[in-house]
Amino acid sequence: RRAGMTVETYLLYLAAVAVIFATPPDTSQLLIVSNAMKHGLRRSLWVIAGDLSANVLQMTAAAFGLAAIIATSAVAFSWIKWMGVAYLVWIGVQMMRSCSKPGGTAAPRAGLVRLFRMGFVTSMTNPFAVVFFAALFPQFITPEAAILPQLLILGATYLLVDGLTLVAWGWAGDRVAARLARVSIKAINRLCGGLMIGAAILLGLKDMSPQRYR
């Protein structure tokens, strides 16, 4: 068996992952921005932890071939997708409703477990992710070498780049909130809720037809 992944292949993979994240914000990134604006960057790290934890499970599912099952089931795709859409809309509505509390004061901050769950559920209800990992990883794996170490390297690299990207988006959201704080808490809550509903729209419009992956 060959020694494993070459440096050239790894750098190519790293470049590909960087290009993937050099795009307009997706569902997870909008979730981080909205939570960083509402709760601050430090607390939004728990949302990032939940998101990345879901990614680990999705990578594992892809590695064991579950992506093929999901990709051939239109029913599974539809149910998972629209549950995610509904969850994001619910979060957005809750954020927007909090701006109507008497006195214009900020609503109580969400608990850390709730923030972690928010990131985890939002990521897990995106069925595209499992199929995405199943399509991405094989492009950079050397079949003649041990597969597991290569999967671990590819997965860890993706999580690192993803995590750093989400932190950057969270920092940006935190800075925006600091400026908007001079306006009103209502403006921040409404904007955060709008971002969540926007993330739901993005997920709802995303083309996740099983035929696309056959």
N, C-alpha and C. Protein backbone atom coordinates (compact mmCIF):
# COMPACT_ATOMS: atom_id res chain seq x y z
N ARG A 1 0.84 -1.20 0.00
CA ARG A 1 0.00 0.00 0.00
C ARG A 1 0.87 1.26 0.00
N ARG A 2 0.39 2.31 -0.61
CA ARG A 2 1.13 3.56 -0.65
C ARG A 2 1.14 4.21 0.72
N ALA A 3 2.10 5.13 0.90
CA ALA A 3 2.27 5.75 2.21
C ALA A 3 1.05 6.58 2.60
N GLY A 4 0.40 7.21 1.64
CA GLY A 4 -0.76 8.01 1.98
C GLY A 4 -0.89 9.22 1.08
N MET A 5 -1.61 10.21 1.54
CA MET A 5 -1.87 11.41 0.78
C MET A 5 -0.59 12.22 0.58
N THR A 6 -0.39 12.71 -0.65
CA THR A 6 0.79 13.52 -0.92
C THR A 6 0.56 14.96 -0.48
N VAL A 7 1.65 15.69 -0.32
CA VAL A 7 1.56 17.09 0.07
C VAL A 7 0.81 17.89 -1.00
N GLU A 8 1.07 17.57 -2.27
CA GLU A 8 0.40 18.28 -3.36
C GLU A 8 -1.11 18.08 -3.30
N THR A 9 -1.54 16.85 -3.03
CA THR A 9 -2.97 16.56 -2.94
C THR A 9 -3.60 17.30 -1.77
N TYR A 10 -2.89 17.33 -0.65
CA TYR A 10 -3.44 18.02 0.53
C TYR A 10 -3.57 19.52 0.27
N LEU A 11 -2.56 20.13 -0.35
CA LEU A 11 -2.62 21.56 -0.64
C LEU A 11 -3.74 21.86 -1.62
N LEU A 12 -3.96 20.96 -2.57
CA LEU A 12 -5.06 21.14 -3.51
C LEU A 12 -6.40 21.08 -2.78
N TYR A 13 -6.51 20.15 -1.84
CA TYR A 13 -7.73 20.03 -1.05
C TYR A 13 -7.93 21.29 -0.20
N LEU A 14 -6.87 21.77 0.41
CA LEU A 14 -6.95 22.98 1.24
C LEU A 14 -7.42 24.17 0.41
N ALA A 15 -6.91 24.26 -0.82
CA ALA A 15 -7.33 25.35 -1.71
C ALA A 15 -8.80 25.20 -2.07
N ALA A 16 -9.24 23.97 -2.32
CA ALA A 16 -10.64 23.73 -2.68
C ALA A 16 -11.56 24.12 -1.54
N VAL A 17 -11.19 23.76 -0.31
CA VAL A 17 -12.01 24.10 0.86
C VAL A 17 -12.05 25.61 1.04
N ALA A 18 -10.91 26.27 0.83
CA ALA A 18 -10.87 27.73 0.96
C ALA A 18 -11.81 28.38 -0.04
N VAL A 19 -11.84 27.86 -1.26
CA VAL A 19 -12.72 28.41 -2.29
C VAL A 19 -14.19 28.21 -1.89
N ILE A 20 -14.49 27.05 -1.30
CA ILE A 20 -15.86 26.75 -0.87
C ILE A 20 -16.37 27.81 0.10
N PHE A 21 -15.50 28.24 1.01
CA PHE A 21 -15.92 29.20 2.02
C PHE A 21 -15.77 30.65 1.57
N ALA A 22 -15.14 30.87 0.41
CA ALA A 22 -15.02 32.23 -0.13
C ALA A 22 -16.25 32.58 -0.97
N THR A 23 -17.40 32.35 -0.40
CA THR A 23 -18.68 32.58 -1.08
C THR A 23 -19.59 33.39 -0.17
N PRO A 24 -20.71 33.90 -0.68
CA PRO A 24 -21.66 34.58 0.20
C PRO A 24 -22.08 33.68 1.35
N PRO A 25 -22.48 34.25 2.49
CA PRO A 25 -22.82 33.45 3.67
C PRO A 25 -23.95 32.46 3.42
N ASP A 26 -23.77 31.25 3.99
CA ASP A 26 -24.81 30.24 3.88
C ASP A 26 -25.62 30.20 5.17
N THR A 27 -26.39 29.12 5.32
CA THR A 27 -27.29 29.02 6.47
C THR A 27 -26.54 29.09 7.81
N SER A 28 -25.49 28.30 7.95
CA SER A 28 -24.75 28.27 9.22
C SER A 28 -24.09 29.61 9.52
N GLN A 29 -23.55 30.25 8.49
CA GLN A 29 -22.88 31.52 8.71
C GLN A 29 -23.85 32.61 9.11
N LEU A 30 -25.04 32.61 8.51
CA LEU A 30 -26.05 33.59 8.91
C LEU A 30 -26.51 33.34 10.35
N LEU A 31 -26.56 32.06 10.74
CA LEU A 31 -26.93 31.73 12.12
C LEU A 31 -25.90 32.28 13.09
N ILE A 32 -24.62 32.13 12.76
CA ILE A 32 -23.56 32.64 13.63
C ILE A 32 -23.61 34.16 13.71
N VAL A 33 -23.79 34.81 12.58
CA VAL A 33 -23.84 36.28 12.57
C VAL A 33 -24.97 36.78 13.46
N SER A 34 -26.15 36.20 13.31
CA SER A 34 -27.30 36.66 14.08
C SER A 34 -27.10 36.44 15.57
N ASN A 35 -26.52 35.29 15.95
CA ASN A 35 -26.30 35.02 17.37
C ASN A 35 -25.18 35.87 17.95
N ALA A 36 -24.15 36.14 17.14
CA ALA A 36 -23.07 37.01 17.61
C ALA A 36 -23.59 38.42 17.82
N MET A 37 -24.50 38.85 16.97
CA MET A 37 -25.07 40.18 17.12
C MET A 37 -25.94 40.26 18.37
N LYS A 38 -26.65 39.19 18.67
CA LYS A 38 -27.59 39.20 19.79
C LYS A 38 -26.93 38.84 21.12
N HIS A 39 -25.98 37.89 21.10
CA HIS A 39 -25.40 37.38 22.35
C HIS A 39 -23.91 37.65 22.49
N GLY A 40 -23.27 38.17 21.45
CA GLY A 40 -21.83 38.41 21.53
C GLY A 40 -21.03 37.26 20.95
N LEU A 41 -19.81 37.55 20.55
CA LEU A 41 -18.96 36.54 19.90
C LEU A 41 -18.65 35.37 20.82
N ARG A 42 -18.34 35.66 22.09
CA ARG A 42 -17.94 34.58 23.00
C ARG A 42 -19.03 33.53 23.17
N ARG A 43 -20.27 33.97 23.37
CA ARG A 43 -21.36 33.02 23.56
C ARG A 43 -21.73 32.32 22.24
N SER A 44 -21.52 33.01 21.13
CA SER A 44 -21.84 32.39 19.84
C SER A 44 -20.87 31.27 19.50
N LEU A 45 -19.75 31.18 20.21
CA LEU A 45 -18.82 30.06 20.00
C LEU A 45 -19.51 28.73 20.29
N TRP A 46 -20.50 28.74 21.17
CA TRP A 46 -21.25 27.51 21.46
C TRP A 46 -22.11 27.10 20.28
N VAL A 47 -22.60 28.07 19.53
CA VAL A 47 -23.34 27.77 18.31
C VAL A 47 -22.39 27.13 17.29
N ILE A 48 -21.19 27.66 17.19
CA ILE A 48 -20.18 27.10 16.29
C ILE A 48 -19.84 25.68 16.69
N ALA A 49 -19.69 25.44 18.01
CA ALA A 49 -19.39 24.09 18.49
C ALA A 49 -20.50 23.12 18.11
N GLY A 50 -21.74 23.54 18.21
CA GLY A 50 -22.86 22.69 17.82
C GLY A 50 -22.85 22.40 16.34
N ASP A 51 -22.56 23.42 15.55
CA ASP A 51 -22.49 23.26 14.09
C ASP A 51 -21.41 22.27 13.69
N LEU A 52 -20.22 22.43 14.26
CA LEU A 52 -19.10 21.54 13.91
C LEU A 52 -19.34 20.11 14.42
N SER A 53 -20.00 19.98 15.57
CA SER A 53 -20.33 18.64 16.07
C SER A 53 -21.24 17.90 15.10
N ALA A 54 -22.20 18.63 14.54
CA ALA A 54 -23.08 18.04 13.54
C ALA A 54 -22.29 17.64 12.30
N ASN A 55 -21.31 18.47 11.93
CA ASN A 55 -20.48 18.15 10.77
C ASN A 55 -19.71 16.85 10.97
N VAL A 56 -19.25 16.63 12.20
CA VAL A 56 -18.53 15.38 12.49
C VAL A 56 -19.44 14.18 12.23
N LEU A 57 -20.68 14.24 12.69
CA LEU A 57 -21.62 13.15 12.46
C LEU A 57 -21.93 13.00 10.97
N GLN A 58 -22.04 14.11 10.26
CA GLN A 58 -22.32 14.06 8.84
C GLN A 58 -21.15 13.45 8.06
N MET A 59 -19.94 13.79 8.46
CA MET A 59 -18.77 13.19 7.83
C MET A 59 -18.73 11.68 8.08
N THR A 60 -19.07 11.29 9.30
CA THR A 60 -19.10 9.87 9.64
C THR A 60 -20.14 9.14 8.81
N ALA A 61 -21.32 9.76 8.67
CA ALA A 61 -22.37 9.16 7.85
C ALA A 61 -21.92 9.02 6.41
N ALA A 62 -21.25 10.04 5.89
CA ALA A 62 -20.75 9.98 4.52
C ALA A 62 -19.72 8.87 4.36
N ALA A 63 -18.84 8.74 5.37
CA ALA A 63 -17.79 7.72 5.30
C ALA A 63 -18.37 6.31 5.30
N PHE A 64 -19.50 6.11 5.95
CA PHE A 64 -20.12 4.79 6.01
C PHE A 64 -21.15 4.57 4.91
N GLY A 65 -21.22 5.49 3.96
CA GLY A 65 -22.07 5.28 2.80
C GLY A 65 -23.52 5.67 2.97
N LEU A 66 -23.87 6.32 4.09
CA LEU A 66 -25.26 6.70 4.27
C LEU A 66 -25.69 7.79 3.29
N ALA A 67 -24.72 8.50 2.74
CA ALA A 67 -25.05 9.54 1.78
C ALA A 67 -25.77 8.96 0.57
N ALA A 68 -25.36 7.76 0.17
CA ALA A 68 -26.01 7.13 -0.99
C ALA A 68 -27.47 6.84 -0.71
N ILE A 69 -27.78 6.45 0.53
CA ILE A 69 -29.17 6.17 0.90
C ILE A 69 -29.99 7.45 0.88
N ILE A 70 -29.44 8.52 1.46
CA ILE A 70 -30.15 9.78 1.50
C ILE A 70 -30.35 10.35 0.10
N ALA A 71 -29.32 10.22 -0.74
CA ALA A 71 -29.38 10.81 -2.07
C ALA A 71 -30.40 10.13 -2.96
N THR A 72 -30.77 8.88 -2.66
CA THR A 72 -31.74 8.18 -3.49
C THR A 72 -33.15 8.26 -2.94
N SER A 73 -33.32 8.94 -1.82
CA SER A 73 -34.63 9.04 -1.20
C SER A 73 -35.13 10.48 -1.24
N ALA A 74 -36.05 10.75 -2.14
CA ALA A 74 -36.63 12.09 -2.23
C ALA A 74 -37.41 12.44 -0.96
N VAL A 75 -38.04 11.44 -0.36
CA VAL A 75 -38.82 11.67 0.85
C VAL A 75 -37.91 12.11 1.99
N ALA A 76 -36.78 11.41 2.16
CA ALA A 76 -35.83 11.75 3.24
C ALA A 76 -35.30 13.16 3.03
N PHE A 77 -34.92 13.49 1.81
CA PHE A 77 -34.43 14.83 1.52
C PHE A 77 -35.46 15.89 1.88
N SER A 78 -36.68 15.66 1.44
CA SER A 78 -37.73 16.66 1.63
C SER A 78 -38.03 16.88 3.10
N TRP A 79 -38.17 15.79 3.86
CA TRP A 79 -38.51 15.91 5.27
C TRP A 79 -37.41 16.64 6.05
N ILE A 80 -36.16 16.22 5.85
CA ILE A 80 -35.05 16.83 6.58
C ILE A 80 -34.91 18.30 6.20
N LYS A 81 -35.03 18.58 4.91
CA LYS A 81 -34.88 19.95 4.44
C LYS A 81 -35.93 20.88 5.05
N TRP A 82 -37.21 20.49 4.99
CA TRP A 82 -38.26 21.39 5.44
C TRP A 82 -38.36 21.46 6.96
N MET A 83 -37.89 20.44 7.67
CA MET A 83 -37.78 20.56 9.12
C MET A 83 -36.75 21.63 9.47
N GLY A 84 -35.64 21.66 8.73
CA GLY A 84 -34.63 22.69 8.94
C GLY A 84 -35.16 24.07 8.65
N VAL A 85 -35.91 24.20 7.56
CA VAL A 85 -36.50 25.50 7.19
C VAL A 85 -37.44 25.98 8.31
N ALA A 86 -38.31 25.08 8.78
CA ALA A 86 -39.26 25.45 9.82
C ALA A 86 -38.54 25.86 11.10
N TYR A 87 -37.47 25.14 11.45
CA TYR A 87 -36.72 25.44 12.67
C TYR A 87 -36.09 26.83 12.59
N LEU A 88 -35.51 27.17 11.44
CA LEU A 88 -34.88 28.47 11.29
C LEU A 88 -35.91 29.60 11.32
N VAL A 89 -37.07 29.37 10.69
CA VAL A 89 -38.13 30.39 10.73
C VAL A 89 -38.59 30.60 12.17
N TRP A 90 -38.73 29.51 12.93
CA TRP A 90 -39.14 29.61 14.33
C TRP A 90 -38.14 30.43 15.13
N ILE A 91 -36.83 30.18 14.91
CA ILE A 91 -35.80 30.95 15.62
C ILE A 91 -35.92 32.43 15.25
N GLY A 92 -36.08 32.70 13.94
CA GLY A 92 -36.18 34.08 13.50
C GLY A 92 -37.37 34.81 14.10
N VAL A 93 -38.52 34.14 14.14
CA VAL A 93 -39.72 34.75 14.71
C VAL A 93 -39.52 35.03 16.19
N GLN A 94 -38.90 34.09 16.92
CA GLN A 94 -38.65 34.30 18.34
C GLN A 94 -37.75 35.50 18.57
N MET A 95 -36.73 35.65 17.73
CA MET A 95 -35.83 36.79 17.87
C MET A 95 -36.56 38.11 17.62
N MET A 96 -37.41 38.13 16.60
CA MET A 96 -38.13 39.35 16.26
C MET A 96 -39.18 39.68 17.32
N ARG A 97 -39.79 38.68 17.91
CA ARG A 97 -40.80 38.91 18.95
C ARG A 97 -40.16 39.47 20.21
N SER A 98 -38.90 39.12 20.45
CA SER A 98 -38.25 39.59 21.68
C SER A 98 -38.07 41.09 21.70
N CYS A 99 -38.16 41.73 20.50
CA CYS A 99 -37.95 43.18 20.46
C CYS A 99 -39.17 43.94 20.96
N SER A 100 -40.28 43.22 21.19
CA SER A 100 -41.49 43.91 21.62
C SER A 100 -41.70 43.86 23.12
N LYS A 101 -40.67 43.41 23.85
CA LYS A 101 -40.81 43.32 25.31
C LYS A 101 -40.93 44.72 25.91
N PRO A 102 -41.74 44.87 26.95
CA PRO A 102 -41.95 46.20 27.54
C PRO A 102 -40.65 46.85 27.98
N GLY A 103 -40.58 48.15 27.77
CA GLY A 103 -39.42 48.91 28.25
C GLY A 103 -38.27 48.91 27.28
N GLY A 104 -38.35 48.10 26.23
CA GLY A 104 -37.29 48.08 25.24
C GLY A 104 -36.00 47.47 25.74
N THR A 105 -36.04 46.72 26.82
CA THR A 105 -34.84 46.09 27.37
C THR A 105 -34.55 44.80 26.65
N ALA A 106 -33.31 44.35 26.78
CA ALA A 106 -32.91 43.11 26.11
C ALA A 106 -33.54 41.92 26.79
N ALA A 107 -33.90 40.93 25.96
CA ALA A 107 -34.44 39.69 26.50
C ALA A 107 -33.34 38.90 27.20
N PRO A 108 -33.69 38.01 28.12
CA PRO A 108 -32.68 37.20 28.79
C PRO A 108 -31.83 36.43 27.79
N ARG A 109 -30.54 36.36 28.06
CA ARG A 109 -29.65 35.68 27.13
C ARG A 109 -29.92 34.18 27.11
N ALA A 110 -29.81 33.61 25.91
CA ALA A 110 -30.03 32.17 25.75
C ALA A 110 -28.94 31.40 26.49
N GLY A 111 -29.32 30.25 27.08
CA GLY A 111 -28.35 29.41 27.76
C GLY A 111 -27.36 28.79 26.78
N LEU A 112 -26.22 28.37 27.31
CA LEU A 112 -25.17 27.82 26.45
C LEU A 112 -25.62 26.52 25.78
N VAL A 113 -26.38 25.70 26.52
CA VAL A 113 -26.86 24.45 25.93
C VAL A 113 -27.82 24.74 24.78
N ARG A 114 -28.67 25.74 24.97
CA ARG A 114 -29.60 26.11 23.91
C ARG A 114 -28.86 26.61 22.67
N LEU A 115 -27.79 27.39 22.88
CA LEU A 115 -27.01 27.89 21.75
C LEU A 115 -26.32 26.74 21.02
N PHE A 116 -25.77 25.80 21.78
CA PHE A 116 -25.15 24.62 21.17
C PHE A 116 -26.18 23.84 20.36
N ARG A 117 -27.35 23.62 20.95
CA ARG A 117 -28.41 22.87 20.27
C ARG A 117 -28.86 23.59 18.99
N MET A 118 -28.92 24.90 19.05
CA MET A 118 -29.33 25.67 17.88
C MET A 118 -28.37 25.43 16.71
N GLY A 119 -27.06 25.48 16.97
CA GLY A 119 -26.09 25.23 15.92
C GLY A 119 -26.13 23.80 15.44
N PHE A 120 -26.31 22.86 16.36
CA PHE A 120 -26.33 21.44 16.01
C PHE A 120 -27.54 21.10 15.15
N VAL A 121 -28.72 21.52 15.59
CA VAL A 121 -29.95 21.18 14.87
C VAL A 121 -29.96 21.83 13.48
N THR A 122 -29.54 23.09 13.40
CA THR A 122 -29.54 23.78 12.12
C THR A 122 -28.65 23.07 11.12
N SER A 123 -27.48 22.63 11.56
CA SER A 123 -26.57 21.93 10.66
C SER A 123 -27.07 20.53 10.32
N MET A 124 -27.60 19.82 11.30
CA MET A 124 -28.06 18.45 11.08
C MET A 124 -29.26 18.37 10.16
N THR A 125 -30.08 19.42 10.11
CA THR A 125 -31.27 19.38 9.27
C THR A 125 -30.98 19.88 7.85
N ASN A 126 -29.70 19.94 7.51
CA ASN A 126 -29.30 20.26 6.14
C ASN A 126 -28.82 18.97 5.47
N PRO A 127 -29.69 18.26 4.76
CA PRO A 127 -29.31 16.96 4.18
C PRO A 127 -28.25 17.08 3.10
N PHE A 128 -28.07 18.27 2.58
CA PHE A 128 -27.06 18.47 1.56
C PHE A 128 -25.66 18.17 2.09
N ALA A 129 -25.45 18.40 3.38
CA ALA A 129 -24.11 18.29 3.95
C ALA A 129 -23.54 16.88 3.82
N VAL A 130 -24.34 15.86 4.14
CA VAL A 130 -23.84 14.49 4.06
C VAL A 130 -23.43 14.14 2.64
N VAL A 131 -24.28 14.49 1.69
CA VAL A 131 -23.97 14.20 0.29
C VAL A 131 -22.77 15.01 -0.17
N PHE A 132 -22.65 16.23 0.34
CA PHE A 132 -21.50 17.07 -0.01
C PHE A 132 -20.19 16.43 0.42
N PHE A 133 -20.13 15.94 1.66
CA PHE A 133 -18.90 15.30 2.14
C PHE A 133 -18.61 14.02 1.35
N ALA A 134 -19.65 13.28 1.03
CA ALA A 134 -19.47 12.04 0.28
C ALA A 134 -18.95 12.32 -1.13
N ALA A 135 -19.28 13.48 -1.67
CA ALA A 135 -18.81 13.84 -3.01
C ALA A 135 -17.42 14.48 -2.97
N LEU A 136 -17.13 15.19 -1.88
CA LEU A 136 -15.86 15.93 -1.79
C LEU A 136 -14.67 15.05 -1.46
N PHE A 137 -14.78 14.24 -0.41
CA PHE A 137 -13.63 13.51 0.10
C PHE A 137 -13.00 12.54 -0.91
N PRO A 138 -13.81 11.76 -1.65
CA PRO A 138 -13.18 10.80 -2.57
C PRO A 138 -12.29 11.44 -3.63
N GLN A 139 -12.50 12.72 -3.93
CA GLN A 139 -11.70 13.39 -4.94
C GLN A 139 -10.24 13.54 -4.52
N PHE A 140 -9.99 13.44 -3.21
CA PHE A 140 -8.64 13.71 -2.70
C PHE A 140 -8.05 12.52 -1.94
N ILE A 141 -8.69 11.36 -2.05
CA ILE A 141 -8.23 10.17 -1.34
C ILE A 141 -7.44 9.28 -2.29
N THR A 142 -6.32 8.77 -1.82
CA THR A 142 -5.51 7.81 -2.58
C THR A 142 -6.01 6.41 -2.26
N PRO A 143 -6.65 5.72 -3.21
CA PRO A 143 -7.25 4.41 -2.93
C PRO A 143 -6.24 3.36 -2.49
N GLU A 144 -5.01 3.49 -2.96
CA GLU A 144 -4.00 2.47 -2.64
C GLU A 144 -3.47 2.60 -1.22
N ALA A 145 -3.75 3.71 -0.56
CA ALA A 145 -3.25 3.93 0.81
C ALA A 145 -4.38 3.69 1.81
N ALA A 146 -4.00 3.67 3.10
CA ALA A 146 -5.00 3.48 4.15
C ALA A 146 -6.03 4.62 4.09
N ILE A 147 -7.31 4.26 4.08
CA ILE A 147 -8.38 5.24 3.89
C ILE A 147 -8.66 6.05 5.16
N LEU A 148 -8.72 5.38 6.31
CA LEU A 148 -9.11 6.06 7.54
C LEU A 148 -8.22 7.26 7.89
N PRO A 149 -6.89 7.12 7.86
CA PRO A 149 -6.05 8.30 8.17
C PRO A 149 -6.31 9.46 7.22
N GLN A 150 -6.56 9.14 5.96
CA GLN A 150 -6.83 10.20 5.00
C GLN A 150 -8.16 10.91 5.31
N LEU A 151 -9.17 10.13 5.67
CA LEU A 151 -10.46 10.72 6.03
C LEU A 151 -10.33 11.62 7.26
N LEU A 152 -9.52 11.18 8.22
CA LEU A 152 -9.31 11.98 9.43
C LEU A 152 -8.63 13.30 9.10
N ILE A 153 -7.65 13.26 8.21
CA ILE A 153 -6.95 14.48 7.81
C ILE A 153 -7.88 15.43 7.07
N LEU A 154 -8.63 14.89 6.11
CA LEU A 154 -9.55 15.71 5.34
C LEU A 154 -10.64 16.31 6.23
N GLY A 155 -11.18 15.47 7.12
CA GLY A 155 -12.24 15.95 8.01
C GLY A 155 -11.75 17.01 8.98
N ALA A 156 -10.59 16.78 9.59
CA ALA A 156 -10.04 17.73 10.56
C ALA A 156 -9.71 19.06 9.88
N THR A 157 -9.19 18.99 8.67
CA THR A 157 -8.87 20.22 7.94
C THR A 157 -10.13 21.01 7.63
N TYR A 158 -11.17 20.32 7.19
CA TYR A 158 -12.43 20.99 6.88
C TYR A 158 -12.99 21.66 8.13
N LEU A 159 -12.99 20.95 9.25
CA LEU A 159 -13.53 21.51 10.49
C LEU A 159 -12.74 22.73 10.93
N LEU A 160 -11.42 22.70 10.75
CA LEU A 160 -10.59 23.83 11.15
C LEU A 160 -10.90 25.06 10.31
N VAL A 161 -10.95 24.87 8.99
CA VAL A 161 -11.24 26.00 8.10
C VAL A 161 -12.66 26.52 8.34
N ASP A 162 -13.60 25.59 8.49
CA ASP A 162 -14.98 25.96 8.75
C ASP A 162 -15.09 26.74 10.06
N GLY A 163 -14.44 26.23 11.10
CA GLY A 163 -14.49 26.89 12.40
C GLY A 163 -13.92 28.29 12.36
N LEU A 164 -12.78 28.46 11.71
CA LEU A 164 -12.16 29.78 11.61
C LEU A 164 -13.04 30.74 10.81
N THR A 165 -13.67 30.21 9.76
CA THR A 165 -14.57 31.04 8.95
C THR A 165 -15.77 31.51 9.77
N LEU A 166 -16.34 30.58 10.54
CA LEU A 166 -17.49 30.94 11.36
C LEU A 166 -17.12 31.95 12.45
N VAL A 167 -15.93 31.80 13.02
CA VAL A 167 -15.47 32.76 14.02
C VAL A 167 -15.34 34.15 13.38
N ALA A 168 -14.82 34.19 12.15
CA ALA A 168 -14.67 35.46 11.45
C ALA A 168 -16.03 36.12 11.21
N TRP A 169 -17.01 35.31 10.78
CA TRP A 169 -18.35 35.84 10.58
C TRP A 169 -18.96 36.30 11.91
N GLY A 170 -18.71 35.54 12.97
CA GLY A 170 -19.20 35.93 14.28
C GLY A 170 -18.60 37.23 14.76
N TRP A 171 -17.31 37.39 14.52
CA TRP A 171 -16.64 38.65 14.89
C TRP A 171 -17.25 39.82 14.14
N ALA A 172 -17.52 39.61 12.85
CA ALA A 172 -18.14 40.68 12.05
C ALA A 172 -19.52 41.03 12.60
N GLY A 173 -20.30 40.00 12.94
CA GLY A 173 -21.62 40.25 13.51
C GLY A 173 -21.54 41.00 14.83
N ASP A 174 -20.56 40.64 15.65
CA ASP A 174 -20.38 41.30 16.94
C ASP A 174 -20.04 42.77 16.75
N ARG A 175 -19.19 43.07 15.75
CA ARG A 175 -18.82 44.46 15.48
C ARG A 175 -20.02 45.27 14.98
N VAL A 176 -20.82 44.66 14.12
CA VAL A 176 -22.01 45.34 13.61
C VAL A 176 -22.97 45.65 14.75
N ALA A 177 -23.15 44.67 15.65
CA ALA A 177 -24.06 44.86 16.80
C ALA A 177 -23.57 46.00 17.69
N ALA A 178 -22.26 46.14 17.85
CA ALA A 178 -21.72 47.20 18.68
C ALA A 178 -22.08 48.57 18.12
N ARG A 179 -22.11 48.66 16.80
CA ARG A 179 -22.48 49.93 16.17
C ARG A 179 -23.99 50.16 16.25
N LEU A 180 -24.75 49.09 16.03
CA LEU A 180 -26.20 49.22 16.06
C LEU A 180 -26.73 49.47 17.47
N ALA A 181 -25.94 49.10 18.47
CA ALA A 181 -26.39 49.28 19.86
C ALA A 181 -26.70 50.74 20.15
N ARG A 182 -26.08 51.64 19.40
CA ARG A 182 -26.35 53.07 19.59
C ARG A 182 -27.74 53.44 19.06
N VAL A 183 -28.28 52.59 18.19
CA VAL A 183 -29.61 52.85 17.63
C VAL A 183 -30.67 52.34 18.60
N SER A 184 -30.80 51.01 18.70
CA SER A 184 -31.75 50.42 19.64
C SER A 184 -31.61 48.92 19.65
N ILE A 185 -32.04 48.30 20.74
CA ILE A 185 -32.05 46.85 20.84
C ILE A 185 -33.07 46.27 19.87
N LYS A 186 -34.16 47.01 19.64
CA LYS A 186 -35.17 46.54 18.71
C LYS A 186 -34.58 46.32 17.32
N ALA A 187 -33.73 47.24 16.88
CA ALA A 187 -33.14 47.13 15.56
C ALA A 187 -32.28 45.87 15.45
N ILE A 188 -31.53 45.58 16.52
CA ILE A 188 -30.67 44.40 16.52
C ILE A 188 -31.51 43.13 16.46
N ASN A 189 -32.55 43.06 17.29
CA ASN A 189 -33.39 41.87 17.32
C ASN A 189 -34.10 41.64 16.00
N ARG A 190 -34.58 42.72 15.41
CA ARG A 190 -35.27 42.58 14.13
C ARG A 190 -34.32 42.13 13.04
N LEU A 191 -33.11 42.69 13.05
CA LEU A 191 -32.13 42.30 12.05
C LEU A 191 -31.72 40.85 12.23
N CYS A 192 -31.51 40.42 13.48
CA CYS A 192 -31.13 39.03 13.76
C CYS A 192 -32.24 38.08 13.31
N GLY A 193 -33.49 38.43 13.63
CA GLY A 193 -34.60 37.60 13.20
C GLY A 193 -34.70 37.55 11.69
N GLY A 194 -34.46 38.68 11.04
CA GLY A 194 -34.49 38.70 9.58
C GLY A 194 -33.40 37.83 8.98
N LEU A 195 -32.22 37.81 9.58
CA LEU A 195 -31.13 36.96 9.10
C LEU A 195 -31.51 35.48 9.20
N MET A 196 -32.19 35.10 10.29
CA MET A 196 -32.61 33.72 10.45
C MET A 196 -33.64 33.31 9.40
N ILE A 197 -34.59 34.18 9.16
CA ILE A 197 -35.59 33.88 8.14
C ILE A 197 -34.93 33.84 6.76
N GLY A 198 -33.93 34.71 6.55
CA GLY A 198 -33.18 34.67 5.30
C GLY A 198 -32.43 33.35 5.14
N ALA A 199 -31.86 32.83 6.25
CA ALA A 199 -31.18 31.54 6.20
C ALA A 199 -32.17 30.43 5.85
N ALA A 200 -33.40 30.52 6.39
CA ALA A 200 -34.43 29.53 6.07
C ALA A 200 -34.78 29.57 4.59
N ILE A 201 -34.85 30.77 4.04
CA ILE A 201 -35.14 30.90 2.61
C ILE A 201 -34.02 30.29 1.77
N LEU A 202 -32.77 30.52 2.18
CA LEU A 202 -31.64 29.94 1.45
C LEU A 202 -31.72 28.41 1.45
N LEU A 203 -32.02 27.84 2.62
CA LEU A 203 -32.13 26.39 2.71
C LEU A 203 -33.30 25.88 1.88
N GLY A 204 -34.41 26.61 1.91
CA GLY A 204 -35.58 26.19 1.15
C GLY A 204 -35.36 26.24 -0.34
N LEU A 205 -34.55 27.21 -0.81
CA LEU A 205 -34.31 27.36 -2.24
C LEU A 205 -33.18 26.48 -2.75
N LYS A 206 -32.40 25.92 -1.83
CA LYS A 206 -31.25 25.12 -2.24
C LYS A 206 -31.70 23.89 -3.01
N ASP A 207 -31.06 23.63 -4.14
CA ASP A 207 -31.41 22.48 -4.98
C ASP A 207 -30.80 21.24 -4.37
N MET A 208 -31.64 20.39 -3.77
CA MET A 208 -31.16 19.17 -3.14
C MET A 208 -31.88 17.96 -3.71
N SER A 209 -32.19 18.02 -5.00
CA SER A 209 -32.85 16.89 -5.66
C SER A 209 -31.95 15.67 -5.65
N PRO A 210 -32.46 14.48 -5.24
CA PRO A 210 -31.63 13.29 -5.22
C PRO A 210 -31.02 12.98 -6.57
N GLN A 211 -31.74 13.29 -7.68
CA GLN A 211 -31.22 12.96 -9.00
C GLN A 211 -29.91 13.68 -9.27
N ARG A 212 -29.71 14.80 -8.58
CA ARG A 212 -28.50 15.59 -8.80
C ARG A 212 -27.25 14.82 -8.43
N TYR A 213 -27.37 13.86 -7.52
CA TYR A 213 -26.19 13.16 -7.01
C TYR A 213 -26.09 11.73 -7.53
N ARG A 214 -26.93 11.34 -8.47
CA ARG A 214 -26.86 9.98 -9.00
C ARG A 214 -25.82 9.88 -10.10
